[in-house]
Amino acid sequence: MKRLAPLAIGAALVSAAAWADTAPGDVAFTDGAVEQSLTGKPGDAANGRVVLGDRGQGNCVACHQVSEMADVPWHGEIGPPLDGVGDRWSEAELRGIVSNAKMMFDGTMMPSFYKVDGFIRPGDAYTGNAAEVVTPILSAEQVEDVVAYLMTLKE
């Protein structure tokens, strides 16, 4: 019976490693799409809705309109409306767009929400100083949550 304990611990470690987040620099894009989940688990659509509308998180509504989110004020008109986006794009395509839209749409104004390199002198808030460490705007889990929410927006 004592021999099972190390096996159980090993299995738990392998399981935990399988659920580890994909680092921003390790995201694999195929024609702009990201087939593999960044977290290895499904996103939470309810939290994705919060991230999408929260000015301190994704703030997607600053540029996009979402009819279902009429309770969130100040929708923008710079980006396309997100109504029906779950029918227009696959989950992998939406994951790619949210992670780094520039991989699919060259010249887009949309920020890369899961990128940490390739910037030219990124700033440190409003100080005018260069940032020493760049962190993604959204975590891997938040990206998956936003994608899960976007998949609910059907025509």
C-alpha atoms as a PDB file:
ATOM      1  CA  MET A   1       0.000   0.000   0.000  1.00  0.00           C
ATOM      2  CA  LYS A   2       2.898   2.366   0.707  1.00  0.00           C
ATOM      3  CA  ARG A   3       4.063   1.949  -2.898  1.00  0.00           C
ATOM      4  CA  LEU A   4       0.857   3.517  -4.226  1.00  0.00           C
ATOM      5  CA  ALA A   5       1.513   6.862  -2.556  1.00  0.00           C
ATOM      6  CA  PRO A   6       4.478   7.787  -4.808  1.00  0.00           C
ATOM      7  CA  LEU A   7       2.456   6.739  -7.857  1.00  0.00           C
ATOM      8  CA  ALA A   8      -0.460   8.895  -6.766  1.00  0.00           C
ATOM      9  CA  ILE A   9       1.842  11.865  -6.190  1.00  0.00           C
ATOM     10  CA  GLY A  10       3.460  11.349  -9.596  1.00  0.00           C
ATOM     11  CA  ALA A  11       0.077  11.168 -11.288  1.00  0.00           C
ATOM     12  CA  ALA A  12      -0.986  14.374  -9.551  1.00  0.00           C
ATOM     13  CA  LEU A  13       2.164  16.143 -10.761  1.00  0.00           C
ATOM     14  CA  VAL A  14       1.643  14.957 -14.335  1.00  0.00           C
ATOM     15  CA  SER A  15      -1.983  16.083 -14.151  1.00  0.00           C
ATOM     16  CA  ALA A  16      -0.975  19.503 -12.804  1.00  0.00           C
ATOM     17  CA  ALA A  17       1.604  19.888 -15.566  1.00  0.00           C
ATOM     18  CA  ALA A  18      -1.044  19.074 -18.171  1.00  0.00           C
ATOM     19  CA  TRP A  19      -3.104  21.998 -16.848  1.00  0.00           C
ATOM     20  CA  ALA A  20      -0.202  24.476 -16.842  1.00  0.00           C
ATOM     21  CA  ASP A  21      -0.767  27.703 -18.769  1.00  0.00           C
ATOM     22  CA  THR A  22       0.898  28.165 -22.125  1.00  0.00           C
ATOM     23  CA  ALA A  23       3.397  31.027 -21.835  1.00  0.00           C
ATOM     24  CA  PRO A  24       2.715  33.985 -24.150  1.00  0.00           C
ATOM     25  CA  GLY A  25       5.869  33.295 -26.160  1.00  0.00           C
ATOM     26  CA  ASP A  26       4.905  29.640 -26.629  1.00  0.00           C
ATOM     27  CA  VAL A  27       1.476  30.210 -28.190  1.00  0.00           C
ATOM     28  CA  ALA A  28       1.273  28.387 -31.548  1.00  0.00           C
ATOM     29  CA  PHE A  29      -0.595  30.354 -34.228  1.00  0.00           C
ATOM     30  CA  THR A  30      -1.849  28.736 -37.440  1.00  0.00           C
ATOM     31  CA  ASP A  31      -3.124  31.364 -39.876  1.00  0.00           C
ATOM     32  CA  GLY A  32      -3.896  33.536 -36.859  1.00  0.00           C
ATOM     33  CA  ALA A  33      -5.840  30.829 -35.005  1.00  0.00           C
ATOM     34  CA  VAL A  34      -4.748  29.114 -31.789  1.00  0.00           C
ATOM     35  CA  GLU A  35      -6.041  25.541 -31.702  1.00  0.00           C
ATOM     36  CA  GLN A  36      -4.783  24.594 -28.230  1.00  0.00           C
ATOM     37  CA  SER A  37      -6.370  26.035 -25.114  1.00  0.00           C
ATOM     38  CA  LEU A  38      -3.957  28.291 -23.258  1.00  0.00           C
ATOM     39  CA  THR A  39      -4.917  26.650 -19.964  1.00  0.00           C
ATOM     40  CA  GLY A  40      -5.888  23.112 -20.946  1.00  0.00           C
ATOM     41  CA  LYS A  41      -9.371  23.584 -19.506  1.00  0.00           C
ATOM     42  CA  PRO A  42     -12.595  25.240 -20.662  1.00  0.00           C
ATOM     43  CA  GLY A  43     -13.095  28.934 -20.042  1.00  0.00           C
ATOM     44  CA  ASP A  44     -15.802  30.397 -17.803  1.00  0.00           C
ATOM     45  CA  ALA A  45     -18.204  32.375 -20.012  1.00  0.00           C
ATOM     46  CA  ALA A  46     -19.697  34.289 -17.052  1.00  0.00           C
ATOM     47  CA  ASN A  47     -16.254  35.531 -16.019  1.00  0.00           C
ATOM     48  CA  GLY A  48     -15.445  36.245 -19.672  1.00  0.00           C
ATOM     49  CA  ARG A  49     -18.415  38.603 -19.815  1.00  0.00           C
ATOM     50  CA  VAL A  50     -17.033  40.436 -16.766  1.00  0.00           C
ATOM     51  CA  VAL A  51     -13.531  40.681 -18.284  1.00  0.00           C
ATOM     52  CA  LEU A  52     -14.955  41.889 -21.596  1.00  0.00           C
ATOM     53  CA  GLY A  53     -16.858  44.736 -19.943  1.00  0.00           C
ATOM     54  CA  ASP A  54     -14.518  45.680 -17.101  1.00  0.00           C
ATOM     55  CA  ARG A  55     -12.486  48.830 -17.789  1.00  0.00           C
ATOM     56  CA  GLY A  56      -9.683  47.490 -15.551  1.00  0.00           C
ATOM     57  CA  GLN A  57      -9.414  44.165 -17.392  1.00  0.00           C
ATOM     58  CA  GLY A  58     -10.164  43.502 -21.071  1.00  0.00           C
ATOM     59  CA  ASN A  59     -12.319  46.585 -21.658  1.00  0.00           C
ATOM     60  CA  CYS A  60     -13.391  45.185 -25.033  1.00  0.00           C
ATOM     61  CA  VAL A  61     -16.521  47.341 -25.005  1.00  0.00           C
ATOM     62  CA  ALA A  62     -14.342  50.439 -25.305  1.00  0.00           C
ATOM     63  CA  CYS A  63     -14.019  49.539 -28.996  1.00  0.00           C
ATOM     64  CA  HIS A  64     -16.781  46.976 -29.656  1.00  0.00           C
ATOM     65  CA  GLN A  65     -20.561  46.979 -29.267  1.00  0.00           C
ATOM     66  CA  VAL A  66     -22.290  43.968 -27.699  1.00  0.00           C
ATOM     67  CA  SER A  67     -26.094  44.135 -27.588  1.00  0.00           C
ATOM     68  CA  GLU A  68     -26.286  41.511 -24.836  1.00  0.00           C
ATOM     69  CA  MET A  69     -24.176  43.802 -22.629  1.00  0.00           C
ATOM     70  CA  ALA A  70     -26.526  46.792 -22.732  1.00  0.00           C
ATOM     71  CA  ASP A  71     -26.092  47.078 -18.945  1.00  0.00           C
ATOM     72  CA  VAL A  72     -22.418  48.066 -19.480  1.00  0.00           C
ATOM     73  CA  PRO A  73     -22.195  51.735 -20.559  1.00  0.00           C
ATOM     74  CA  TRP A  74     -20.058  53.411 -23.221  1.00  0.00           C
ATOM     75  CA  HIS A  75     -19.712  50.866 -26.011  1.00  0.00           C
ATOM     76  CA  GLY A  76     -17.266  51.928 -28.701  1.00  0.00           C
ATOM     77  CA  GLU A  77     -17.604  51.954 -32.452  1.00  0.00           C
ATOM     78  CA  ILE A  78     -13.967  51.514 -33.513  1.00  0.00           C
ATOM     79  CA  GLY A  79     -14.062  47.721 -33.751  1.00  0.00           C
ATOM     80  CA  PRO A  80     -16.783  45.612 -35.353  1.00  0.00           C
ATOM     81  CA  PRO A  81     -19.862  44.689 -33.285  1.00  0.00           C
ATOM     82  CA  LEU A  82     -19.416  41.386 -31.464  1.00  0.00           C
ATOM     83  CA  ASP A  83     -23.036  40.259 -31.865  1.00  0.00           C
ATOM     84  CA  GLY A  84     -22.981  36.847 -33.596  1.00  0.00           C
ATOM     85  CA  VAL A  85     -19.190  36.507 -33.345  1.00  0.00           C
ATOM     86  CA  GLY A  86     -19.603  32.931 -32.051  1.00  0.00           C
ATOM     87  CA  ASP A  87     -21.127  32.011 -35.426  1.00  0.00           C
ATOM     88  CA  ARG A  88     -18.630  33.941 -37.562  1.00  0.00           C
ATOM     89  CA  TRP A  89     -15.417  32.606 -36.014  1.00  0.00           C
ATOM     90  CA  SER A  90     -14.312  29.274 -34.574  1.00  0.00           C
ATOM     91  CA  GLU A  91     -13.118  28.945 -30.993  1.00  0.00           C
ATOM     92  CA  ALA A  92      -9.516  28.639 -32.233  1.00  0.00           C
ATOM     93  CA  GLU A  93      -9.861  31.777 -34.358  1.00  0.00           C
ATOM     94  CA  LEU A  94     -11.350  33.755 -31.478  1.00  0.00           C
ATOM     95  CA  ARG A  95      -8.543  32.553 -29.182  1.00  0.00           C
ATOM     96  CA  GLY A  96      -6.022  33.774 -31.740  1.00  0.00           C
ATOM     97  CA  ILE A  97      -7.754  37.136 -32.185  1.00  0.00           C
ATOM     98  CA  VAL A  98      -7.953  37.785 -28.436  1.00  0.00           C
ATOM     99  CA  SER A  99      -4.387  36.571 -27.839  1.00  0.00           C
ATOM    100  CA  ASN A 100      -2.800  38.598 -30.639  1.00  0.00           C
ATOM    101  CA  ALA A 101      -5.131  39.942 -33.334  1.00  0.00           C
ATOM    102  CA  LYS A 102      -2.139  41.125 -35.366  1.00  0.00           C
ATOM    103  CA  MET A 103      -1.379  37.493 -36.234  1.00  0.00           C
ATOM    104  CA  MET A 104      -4.678  37.360 -38.172  1.00  0.00           C
ATOM    105  CA  PHE A 105      -5.266  40.982 -39.135  1.00  0.00           C
ATOM    106  CA  ASP A 106      -2.098  42.800 -40.142  1.00  0.00           C
ATOM    107  CA  GLY A 107      -2.357  46.466 -39.174  1.00  0.00           C
ATOM    108  CA  THR A 108      -5.278  46.063 -36.773  1.00  0.00           C
ATOM    109  CA  MET A 109      -5.631  48.563 -33.935  1.00  0.00           C
ATOM    110  CA  MET A 110      -6.749  45.827 -31.545  1.00  0.00           C
ATOM    111  CA  PRO A 111      -4.293  45.300 -28.688  1.00  0.00           C
ATOM    112  CA  SER A 112      -2.542  41.986 -28.229  1.00  0.00           C
ATOM    113  CA  PHE A 113      -3.987  40.755 -24.952  1.00  0.00           C
ATOM    114  CA  TYR A 114      -1.581  37.824 -24.498  1.00  0.00           C
ATOM    115  CA  LYS A 115       1.796  39.026 -25.755  1.00  0.00           C
ATOM    116  CA  VAL A 116       4.952  40.040 -23.895  1.00  0.00           C
ATOM    117  CA  ASP A 117       7.622  40.590 -26.544  1.00  0.00           C
ATOM    118  CA  GLY A 118       8.236  42.334 -29.836  1.00  0.00           C
ATOM    119  CA  PHE A 119       7.282  45.766 -28.506  1.00  0.00           C
ATOM    120  CA  ILE A 120       9.283  48.919 -29.183  1.00  0.00           C
ATOM    121  CA  ARG A 121      10.072  50.548 -25.818  1.00  0.00           C
ATOM    122  CA  PRO A 122       6.882  49.704 -23.920  1.00  0.00           C
ATOM    123  CA  GLY A 123       6.041  52.269 -21.256  1.00  0.00           C
ATOM    124  CA  ASP A 124       5.675  51.786 -17.532  1.00  0.00           C
ATOM    125  CA  ALA A 125       2.156  53.150 -16.942  1.00  0.00           C
ATOM    126  CA  TYR A 126       2.151  56.922 -17.328  1.00  0.00           C
ATOM    127  CA  THR A 127       5.685  57.550 -16.087  1.00  0.00           C
ATOM    128  CA  GLY A 128       7.346  57.851 -19.485  1.00  0.00           C
ATOM    129  CA  ASN A 129       9.898  55.264 -18.375  1.00  0.00           C
ATOM    130  CA  ALA A 130      10.491  52.034 -20.251  1.00  0.00           C
ATOM    131  CA  ALA A 131       9.006  48.960 -18.629  1.00  0.00           C
ATOM    132  CA  GLU A 132      11.581  46.446 -17.451  1.00  0.00           C
ATOM    133  CA  VAL A 133       9.176  43.496 -17.473  1.00  0.00           C
ATOM    134  CA  VAL A 134       6.163  43.286 -19.745  1.00  0.00           C
ATOM    135  CA  THR A 135       3.232  41.187 -18.574  1.00  0.00           C
ATOM    136  CA  PRO A 136       0.264  40.284 -20.779  1.00  0.00           C
ATOM    137  CA  ILE A 137      -2.847  42.431 -20.484  1.00  0.00           C
ATOM    138  CA  LEU A 138      -4.908  39.310 -19.743  1.00  0.00           C
ATOM    139  CA  SER A 139      -3.904  36.026 -18.140  1.00  0.00           C
ATOM    140  CA  ALA A 140      -4.267  32.750 -20.033  1.00  0.00           C
ATOM    141  CA  GLU A 141      -7.353  31.987 -17.947  1.00  0.00           C
ATOM    142  CA  GLN A 142      -8.914  35.368 -18.752  1.00  0.00           C
ATOM    143  CA  VAL A 143      -8.296  34.824 -22.480  1.00  0.00           C
ATOM    144  CA  GLU A 144     -10.039  31.439 -22.264  1.00  0.00           C
ATOM    145  CA  ASP A 145     -12.915  33.020 -20.306  1.00  0.00           C
ATOM    146  CA  VAL A 146     -13.371  35.773 -22.923  1.00  0.00           C
ATOM    147  CA  VAL A 147     -13.303  33.185 -25.722  1.00  0.00           C
ATOM    148  CA  ALA A 148     -15.928  31.092 -23.883  1.00  0.00           C
ATOM    149  CA  TYR A 149     -18.154  34.169 -23.579  1.00  0.00           C
ATOM    150  CA  LEU A 150     -17.653  35.165 -27.220  1.00  0.00           C
ATOM    151  CA  MET A 151     -18.679  31.644 -28.271  1.00  0.00           C
ATOM    152  CA  THR A 152     -22.079  32.292 -26.611  1.00  0.00           C
ATOM    153  CA  LEU A 153     -22.737  35.300 -28.874  1.00  0.00           C
ATOM    154  CA  LYS A 154     -24.696  33.659 -31.683  1.00  0.00           C
ATOM    155  CA  GLU A 155     -26.908  35.197 -34.376  1.00  0.00           C
END
